[in-house]
PDB file of all heavy atoms in Angstrom:
ATOM      1  N   LEU A   1       0.840  -1.191  -0.035  1.00  0.00           N
ATOM      2  CA  LEU A   1       0.022  -0.054   0.026  1.00  0.00           C
ATOM      3  C   LEU A   1       0.896   1.194  -0.051  1.00  0.00           C
ATOM      4  O   LEU A   1       2.109   1.211   0.365  1.00  0.00           O
ATOM      5  CB  LEU A   1      -0.867   0.021   1.221  1.00  0.00           C
ATOM      6  CG  LEU A   1      -1.786  -1.217   1.215  1.00  0.00           C
ATOM      7  CD1 LEU A   1      -2.512  -1.362   2.695  1.00  0.00           C
ATOM      8  CD2 LEU A   1      -2.910  -1.235   0.387  1.00  0.00           C
ATOM      9  N   ALA A   2       0.261   2.449  -0.524  1.00  0.00           N
ATOM     10  CA  ALA A   2       1.082   3.650  -0.697  1.00  0.00           C
ATOM     11  C   ALA A   2       0.636   4.648   0.284  1.00  0.00           C
ATOM     12  O   ALA A   2      -0.466   4.740   0.890  1.00  0.00           O
ATOM     13  CB  ALA A   2       0.865   4.072  -2.073  1.00  0.00           C
ATOM     14  N   ARG A   3       1.630   5.548   0.572  1.00  0.00           N
ATOM     15  CA  ARG A   3       1.327   6.786   1.387  1.00  0.00           C
ATOM     16  C   ARG A   3       0.595   7.825   0.604  1.00  0.00           C
ATOM     17  O   ARG A   3      -0.415   8.476   0.973  1.00  0.00           O
ATOM     18  CB  ARG A   3       2.658   7.338   1.859  1.00  0.00           C
ATOM     19  CG  ARG A   3       2.460   8.677   2.697  1.00  0.00           C
ATOM     20  CD  ARG A   3       3.804   9.356   2.877  1.00  0.00           C
ATOM     21  NE  ARG A   3       3.646  10.541   3.774  1.00  0.00           N
ATOM     22  CZ  ARG A   3       4.759  11.305   4.031  1.00  0.00           C
ATOM     23  NH1 ARG A   3       5.966  10.976   3.555  1.00  0.00           N
ATOM     24  NH2 ARG A   3       4.579  12.239   4.836  1.00  0.00           N
ATOM     25  N   LEU A   4       0.984   7.972  -0.729  1.00  0.00           N
ATOM     26  CA  LEU A   4       0.490   8.949  -1.597  1.00  0.00           C
ATOM     27  C   LEU A   4      -1.041   8.769  -1.975  1.00  0.00           C
ATOM     28  O   LEU A   4      -1.432   7.695  -2.294  1.00  0.00           O
ATOM     29  CB  LEU A   4       1.253   9.078  -2.883  1.00  0.00           C
ATOM     30  CG  LEU A   4       1.044   9.933  -3.984  1.00  0.00           C
ATOM     31  CD1 LEU A   4       1.305  11.463  -3.387  1.00  0.00           C
ATOM     32  CD2 LEU A   4       1.799   9.769  -5.215  1.00  0.00           C
ATOM     33  N   ALA A   5      -1.846   9.911  -1.970  1.00  0.00           N
ATOM     34  CA  ALA A   5      -3.234   9.775  -2.453  1.00  0.00           C
ATOM     35  C   ALA A   5      -3.123   9.614  -4.020  1.00  0.00           C
ATOM     36  O   ALA A   5      -2.525  10.477  -4.596  1.00  0.00           O
ATOM     37  CB  ALA A   5      -3.886  11.082  -2.074  1.00  0.00           C
ATOM     38  N   THR A   6      -3.786   8.720  -4.515  1.00  0.00           N
ATOM     39  CA  THR A   6      -3.760   8.438  -5.929  1.00  0.00           C
ATOM     40  C   THR A   6      -5.134   8.359  -6.564  1.00  0.00           C
ATOM     41  O   THR A   6      -6.132   8.184  -5.870  1.00  0.00           O
ATOM     42  CB  THR A   6      -3.137   6.994  -6.294  1.00  0.00           C
ATOM     43  OG1 THR A   6      -3.689   6.081  -5.430  1.00  0.00           O
ATOM     44  CG2 THR A   6      -1.578   7.006  -5.934  1.00  0.00           C
ATOM     45  N   PRO A   7      -5.294   8.689  -7.870  1.00  0.00           N
ATOM     46  CA  PRO A   7      -6.629   8.751  -8.370  1.00  0.00           C
ATOM     47  C   PRO A   7      -7.500   7.410  -8.374  1.00  0.00           C
ATOM     48  O   PRO A   7      -6.803   6.343  -8.381  1.00  0.00           O
ATOM     49  CB  PRO A   7      -6.217   8.985 -10.028  1.00  0.00           C
ATOM     50  CG  PRO A   7      -4.780   9.587  -9.959  1.00  0.00           C
ATOM     51  CD  PRO A   7      -4.218   8.896  -8.821  1.00  0.00           C
ATOM     52  N   VAL A   8      -8.683   7.601  -8.183  1.00  0.00           N
ATOM     53  CA  VAL A   8      -9.536   6.509  -8.169  1.00  0.00           C
ATOM     54  C   VAL A   8      -9.866   6.080  -9.661  1.00  0.00           C
ATOM     55  O   VAL A   8     -10.283   6.814 -10.402  1.00  0.00           O
ATOM     56  CB  VAL A   8     -10.894   6.803  -7.506  1.00  0.00           C
ATOM     57  CG1 VAL A   8     -11.875   5.657  -7.577  1.00  0.00           C
ATOM     58  CG2 VAL A   8     -10.689   7.159  -5.945  1.00  0.00           C
ATOM     59  N   ILE A   9      -9.514   4.831  -9.919  1.00  0.00           N
ATOM     60  CA  ILE A   9      -9.585   4.418 -11.353  1.00  0.00           C
ATOM     61  C   ILE A   9     -10.739   3.471 -11.613  1.00  0.00           C
ATOM     62  O   ILE A   9     -11.462   3.702 -12.672  1.00  0.00           O
ATOM     63  CB  ILE A   9      -8.325   3.549 -11.639  1.00  0.00           C
ATOM     64  CG1 ILE A   9      -7.085   4.309 -11.515  1.00  0.00           C
ATOM     65  CG2 ILE A   9      -8.401   2.772 -13.058  1.00  0.00           C
ATOM     66  CD1 ILE A   9      -5.755   3.444 -11.296  1.00  0.00           C
ATOM     67  N   TYR A  10     -11.170   2.769 -10.625  1.00  0.00           N
ATOM     68  CA  TYR A  10     -12.357   1.884 -10.959  1.00  0.00           C
ATOM     69  C   TYR A  10     -13.638   2.263 -10.217  1.00  0.00           C
ATOM     70  O   TYR A  10     -13.596   3.085  -9.265  1.00  0.00           O
ATOM     71  CB  TYR A  10     -12.003   0.413 -10.447  1.00  0.00           C
ATOM     72  CG  TYR A  10     -10.772  -0.081 -11.262  1.00  0.00           C
ATOM     73  CD1 TYR A  10      -9.502  -0.199 -10.597  1.00  0.00           C
ATOM     74  CD2 TYR A  10     -10.741  -0.639 -12.398  1.00  0.00           C
ATOM     75  CE1 TYR A  10      -8.382  -0.699 -11.059  1.00  0.00           C
ATOM     76  CE2 TYR A  10      -9.597  -1.044 -13.072  1.00  0.00           C
ATOM     77  CZ  TYR A  10      -8.445  -1.105 -12.409  1.00  0.00           C
ATOM     78  OH  TYR A  10      -7.345  -1.599 -13.135  1.00  0.00           O
ATOM     79  N   LYS A  11     -14.828   1.783 -10.847  1.00  0.00           N
ATOM     80  CA  LYS A  11     -16.032   2.124 -10.186  1.00  0.00           C
ATOM     81  C   LYS A  11     -16.314   1.356  -8.811  1.00  0.00           C
ATOM     82  O   LYS A  11     -15.647   0.362  -8.793  1.00  0.00           O
ATOM     83  CB  LYS A  11     -17.103   1.748 -11.230  1.00  0.00           C
ATOM     84  CG  LYS A  11     -17.142   2.512 -12.477  1.00  0.00           C
ATOM     85  CD  LYS A  11     -18.303   2.023 -13.450  1.00  0.00           C
ATOM     86  CE  LYS A  11     -18.150   2.790 -14.744  1.00  0.00           C
ATOM     87  NZ  LYS A  11     -19.146   2.281 -15.813  1.00  0.00           N
ATOM     88  N   GLU A  12     -17.090   1.981  -8.040  1.00  0.00           N
ATOM     89  CA  GLU A  12     -17.345   1.298  -6.761  1.00  0.00           C
ATOM     90  C   GLU A  12     -17.901  -0.071  -7.048  1.00  0.00           C
ATOM     91  O   GLU A  12     -18.735  -0.366  -7.866  1.00  0.00           O
ATOM     92  CB  GLU A  12     -18.294   2.202  -5.920  1.00  0.00           C
ATOM     93  CG  GLU A  12     -18.525   1.612  -4.639  1.00  0.00           C
ATOM     94  CD  GLU A  12     -19.541   2.558  -3.816  1.00  0.00           C
ATOM     95  OE1 GLU A  12     -19.832   3.609  -4.326  1.00  0.00           O
ATOM     96  OE2 GLU A  12     -19.875   2.258  -2.700  1.00  0.00           O
ATOM     97  N   ASN A  13     -17.536  -1.013  -6.270  1.00  0.00           N
ATOM     98  CA  ASN A  13     -17.852  -2.483  -6.259  1.00  0.00           C
ATOM     99  C   ASN A  13     -17.578  -3.243  -7.605  1.00  0.00           C
ATOM    100  O   ASN A  13     -18.170  -4.173  -7.832  1.00  0.00           O
ATOM    101  CB  ASN A  13     -19.415  -2.623  -5.988  1.00  0.00           C
ATOM    102  CG  ASN A  13     -19.912  -1.999  -4.677  1.00  0.00           C
ATOM    103  OD1 ASN A  13     -19.198  -2.205  -3.616  1.00  0.00           O
ATOM    104  ND2 ASN A  13     -20.946  -1.209  -4.666  1.00  0.00           N
ATOM    105  N   GLU A  14     -16.577  -2.693  -8.246  1.00  0.00           N
ATOM    106  CA  GLU A  14     -16.102  -3.497  -9.473  1.00  0.00           C
ATOM    107  C   GLU A  14     -15.415  -4.678  -9.088  1.00  0.00           C
ATOM    108  O   GLU A  14     -14.829  -4.832  -8.032  1.00  0.00           O
ATOM    109  CB  GLU A  14     -15.105  -2.547 -10.163  1.00  0.00           C
ATOM    110  CG  GLU A  14     -14.788  -3.011 -11.572  1.00  0.00           C
ATOM    111  CD  GLU A  14     -14.274  -1.939 -12.575  1.00  0.00           C
ATOM    112  OE1 GLU A  14     -14.552  -0.769 -12.275  1.00  0.00           O
ATOM    113  OE2 GLU A  14     -13.816  -2.393 -13.491  1.00  0.00           O
ATOM    114  N   LYS A  15     -15.607  -5.629  -9.794  1.00  0.00           N
ATOM    115  CA  LYS A  15     -15.176  -7.025  -9.505  1.00  0.00           C
ATOM    116  C   LYS A  15     -13.678  -7.356 -10.005  1.00  0.00           C
ATOM    117  O   LYS A  15     -13.425  -6.945 -11.116  1.00  0.00           O
ATOM    118  CB  LYS A  15     -16.105  -8.089 -10.017  1.00  0.00           C
ATOM    119  CG  LYS A  15     -17.525  -8.021  -9.473  1.00  0.00           C
ATOM    120  CD  LYS A  15     -17.633  -8.145  -8.000  1.00  0.00           C
ATOM    121  CE  LYS A  15     -19.089  -8.085  -7.532  1.00  0.00           C
ATOM    122  NZ  LYS A  15     -19.024  -8.028  -6.005  1.00  0.00           N
ATOM    123  N   PHE A  16     -12.966  -7.909  -9.139  1.00  0.00           N
ATOM    124  CA  PHE A  16     -11.481  -8.289  -9.612  1.00  0.00           C
ATOM    125  C   PHE A  16     -11.344  -9.720  -9.197  1.00  0.00           C
ATOM    126  O   PHE A  16     -12.213 -10.376  -8.593  1.00  0.00           O
ATOM    127  CB  PHE A  16     -10.480  -7.487  -8.789  1.00  0.00           C
ATOM    128  CG  PHE A  16     -10.781  -5.911  -9.012  1.00  0.00           C
ATOM    129  CD1 PHE A  16     -11.378  -5.171  -7.951  1.00  0.00           C
ATOM    130  CD2 PHE A  16     -10.236  -5.213 -10.114  1.00  0.00           C
ATOM    131  CE1 PHE A  16     -11.547  -3.954  -8.163  1.00  0.00           C
ATOM    132  CE2 PHE A  16     -10.567  -3.786 -10.316  1.00  0.00           C
ATOM    133  CZ  PHE A  16     -11.262  -3.233  -9.267  1.00  0.00           C
ATOM    134  N   GLU A  17     -10.201 -10.292  -9.579  1.00  0.00           N
ATOM    135  CA  GLU A  17      -9.811 -11.642  -9.274  1.00  0.00           C
ATOM    136  C   GLU A  17      -8.452 -11.691  -8.947  1.00  0.00           C
ATOM    137  O   GLU A  17      -7.638 -11.236  -9.791  1.00  0.00           O
ATOM    138  CB  GLU A  17     -10.128 -12.630 -10.491  1.00  0.00           C
ATOM    139  CG  GLU A  17      -9.981 -14.068 -10.251  1.00  0.00           C
ATOM    140  CD  GLU A  17     -10.350 -14.931 -11.346  1.00  0.00           C
ATOM    141  OE1 GLU A  17     -11.056 -14.429 -12.344  1.00  0.00           O
ATOM    142  OE2 GLU A  17      -9.754 -15.942 -11.592  1.00  0.00           O
ATOM    143  N   ILE A  18      -7.996 -12.387  -7.870  1.00  0.00           N
ATOM    144  CA  ILE A  18      -6.607 -12.525  -7.515  1.00  0.00           C
ATOM    145  C   ILE A  18      -5.924 -13.310  -8.508  1.00  0.00           C
ATOM    146  O   ILE A  18      -6.477 -14.402  -9.048  1.00  0.00           O
ATOM    147  CB  ILE A  18      -6.479 -13.225  -6.086  1.00  0.00           C
ATOM    148  CG1 ILE A  18      -6.911 -12.248  -4.996  1.00  0.00           C
ATOM    149  CG2 ILE A  18      -5.133 -13.641  -5.842  1.00  0.00           C
ATOM    150  CD1 ILE A  18      -7.089 -12.964  -3.587  1.00  0.00           C
ATOM    151  N   GLY A  19      -4.806 -12.933  -9.054  1.00  0.00           N
ATOM    152  CA  GLY A  19      -4.101 -13.660 -10.140  1.00  0.00           C
ATOM    153  C   GLY A  19      -4.522 -13.302 -11.585  1.00  0.00           C
ATOM    154  O   GLY A  19      -4.055 -13.900 -12.455  1.00  0.00           O
ATOM    155  N   LYS A  20      -5.463 -12.473 -11.649  1.00  0.00           N
ATOM    156  CA  LYS A  20      -5.848 -12.101 -12.976  1.00  0.00           C
ATOM    157  C   LYS A  20      -5.809 -10.522 -13.271  1.00  0.00           C
ATOM    158  O   LYS A  20      -6.472  -9.667 -12.540  1.00  0.00           O
ATOM    159  CB  LYS A  20      -7.344 -12.359 -13.152  1.00  0.00           C
ATOM    160  CG  LYS A  20      -7.946 -12.249 -14.539  1.00  0.00           C
ATOM    161  CD  LYS A  20      -7.267 -13.088 -15.674  1.00  0.00           C
ATOM    162  CE  LYS A  20      -7.911 -12.994 -16.938  1.00  0.00           C
ATOM    163  NZ  LYS A  20      -7.191 -13.638 -18.064  1.00  0.00           N
ATOM    164  N   ALA A  21      -4.885 -10.155 -14.067  1.00  0.00           N
ATOM    165  CA  ALA A  21      -4.620  -8.781 -14.415  1.00  0.00           C
ATOM    166  C   ALA A  21      -5.699  -8.182 -15.233  1.00  0.00           C
ATOM    167  O   ALA A  21      -6.584  -8.921 -15.695  1.00  0.00           O
ATOM    168  CB  ALA A  21      -3.327  -8.668 -15.299  1.00  0.00           C
ATOM    169  N   ILE A  22      -5.814  -6.888 -15.244  1.00  0.00           N
ATOM    170  CA  ILE A  22      -6.949  -6.157 -15.832  1.00  0.00           C
ATOM    171  C   ILE A  22      -6.337  -5.319 -17.034  1.00  0.00           C
ATOM    172  O   ILE A  22      -5.517  -4.534 -16.973  1.00  0.00           O
ATOM    173  CB  ILE A  22      -7.426  -5.102 -14.897  1.00  0.00           C
ATOM    174  CG1 ILE A  22      -8.066  -5.888 -13.705  1.00  0.00           C
ATOM    175  CG2 ILE A  22      -8.675  -4.444 -15.609  1.00  0.00           C
ATOM    176  CD1 ILE A  22      -8.177  -5.037 -12.442  1.00  0.00           C
ATOM    177  N   GLN A  23      -6.957  -5.780 -18.193  1.00  0.00           N
ATOM    178  CA  GLN A  23      -6.421  -5.057 -19.521  1.00  0.00           C
ATOM    179  C   GLN A  23      -7.396  -3.861 -19.815  1.00  0.00           C
ATOM    180  O   GLN A  23      -8.570  -4.012 -19.748  1.00  0.00           O
ATOM    181  CB  GLN A  23      -6.579  -6.063 -20.733  1.00  0.00           C
ATOM    182  CG  GLN A  23      -5.965  -5.357 -21.975  1.00  0.00           C
ATOM    183  CD  GLN A  23      -6.084  -6.316 -23.135  1.00  0.00           C
ATOM    184  OE1 GLN A  23      -5.672  -7.467 -23.024  1.00  0.00           O
ATOM    185  NE2 GLN A  23      -6.651  -5.809 -24.251  1.00  0.00           N
ATOM    186  N   ILE A  24      -6.815  -2.754 -19.977  1.00  0.00           N
ATOM    187  CA  ILE A  24      -7.529  -1.415 -20.184  1.00  0.00           C
ATOM    188  C   ILE A  24      -7.143  -0.942 -21.535  1.00  0.00           C
ATOM    189  O   ILE A  24      -6.048  -0.554 -21.912  1.00  0.00           O
ATOM    190  CB  ILE A  24      -7.117  -0.288 -19.183  1.00  0.00           C
ATOM    191  CG1 ILE A  24      -7.467  -0.880 -17.687  1.00  0.00           C
ATOM    192  CG2 ILE A  24      -7.905   0.942 -19.408  1.00  0.00           C
ATOM    193  CD1 ILE A  24      -6.877  -0.038 -16.661  1.00  0.00           C
ATOM    194  N   GLY A  25      -8.184  -1.042 -22.548  1.00  0.00           N
ATOM    195  CA  GLY A  25      -7.845  -0.731 -23.837  1.00  0.00           C
ATOM    196  C   GLY A  25      -7.442  -1.897 -24.743  1.00  0.00           C
ATOM    197  O   GLY A  25      -6.986  -2.924 -24.208  1.00  0.00           O
ATOM    198  N   GLU A  26      -7.569  -1.691 -26.036  1.00  0.00           N
ATOM    199  CA  GLU A  26      -7.299  -2.684 -26.948  1.00  0.00           C
ATOM    200  C   GLU A  26      -6.237  -2.344 -28.018  1.00  0.00           C
ATOM    201  O   GLU A  26      -5.963  -2.981 -29.072  1.00  0.00           O
ATOM    202  CB  GLU A  26      -8.497  -3.088 -27.771  1.00  0.00           C
ATOM    203  CG  GLU A  26      -9.703  -3.551 -27.006  1.00  0.00           C
ATOM    204  CD  GLU A  26      -9.439  -5.019 -26.427  1.00  0.00           C
ATOM    205  OE1 GLU A  26      -8.566  -5.700 -26.970  1.00  0.00           O
ATOM    206  OE2 GLU A  26     -10.167  -5.361 -25.369  1.00  0.00           O
ATOM    207  N   GLY A  27      -5.471  -1.310 -27.738  1.00  0.00           N
ATOM    208  CA  GLY A  27      -4.364  -0.802 -28.664  1.00  0.00           C
ATOM    209  C   GLY A  27      -3.422  -1.949 -29.006  1.00  0.00           C
ATOM    210  O   GLY A  27      -3.116  -2.807 -28.218  1.00  0.00           O
ATOM    211  N   THR A  28      -2.842  -1.838 -30.154  1.00  0.00           N
ATOM    212  CA  THR A  28      -1.847  -2.850 -30.675  1.00  0.00           C
ATOM    213  C   THR A  28      -0.361  -2.170 -30.828  1.00  0.00           C
ATOM    214  O   THR A  28       0.531  -2.796 -31.213  1.00  0.00           O
ATOM    215  CB  THR A  28      -2.280  -3.450 -32.009  1.00  0.00           C
ATOM    216  OG1 THR A  28      -2.375  -2.494 -32.909  1.00  0.00           O
ATOM    217  CG2 THR A  28      -3.543  -4.259 -31.907  1.00  0.00           C
TER     218      THR A  28
END
């Protein structure tokens, strides 16, 4: 965890999974 206040990226109650990364965007 960090000391610095950082931007909120995800919506409240968004679902995640341990061991599964999150891809944002489809750029190649």
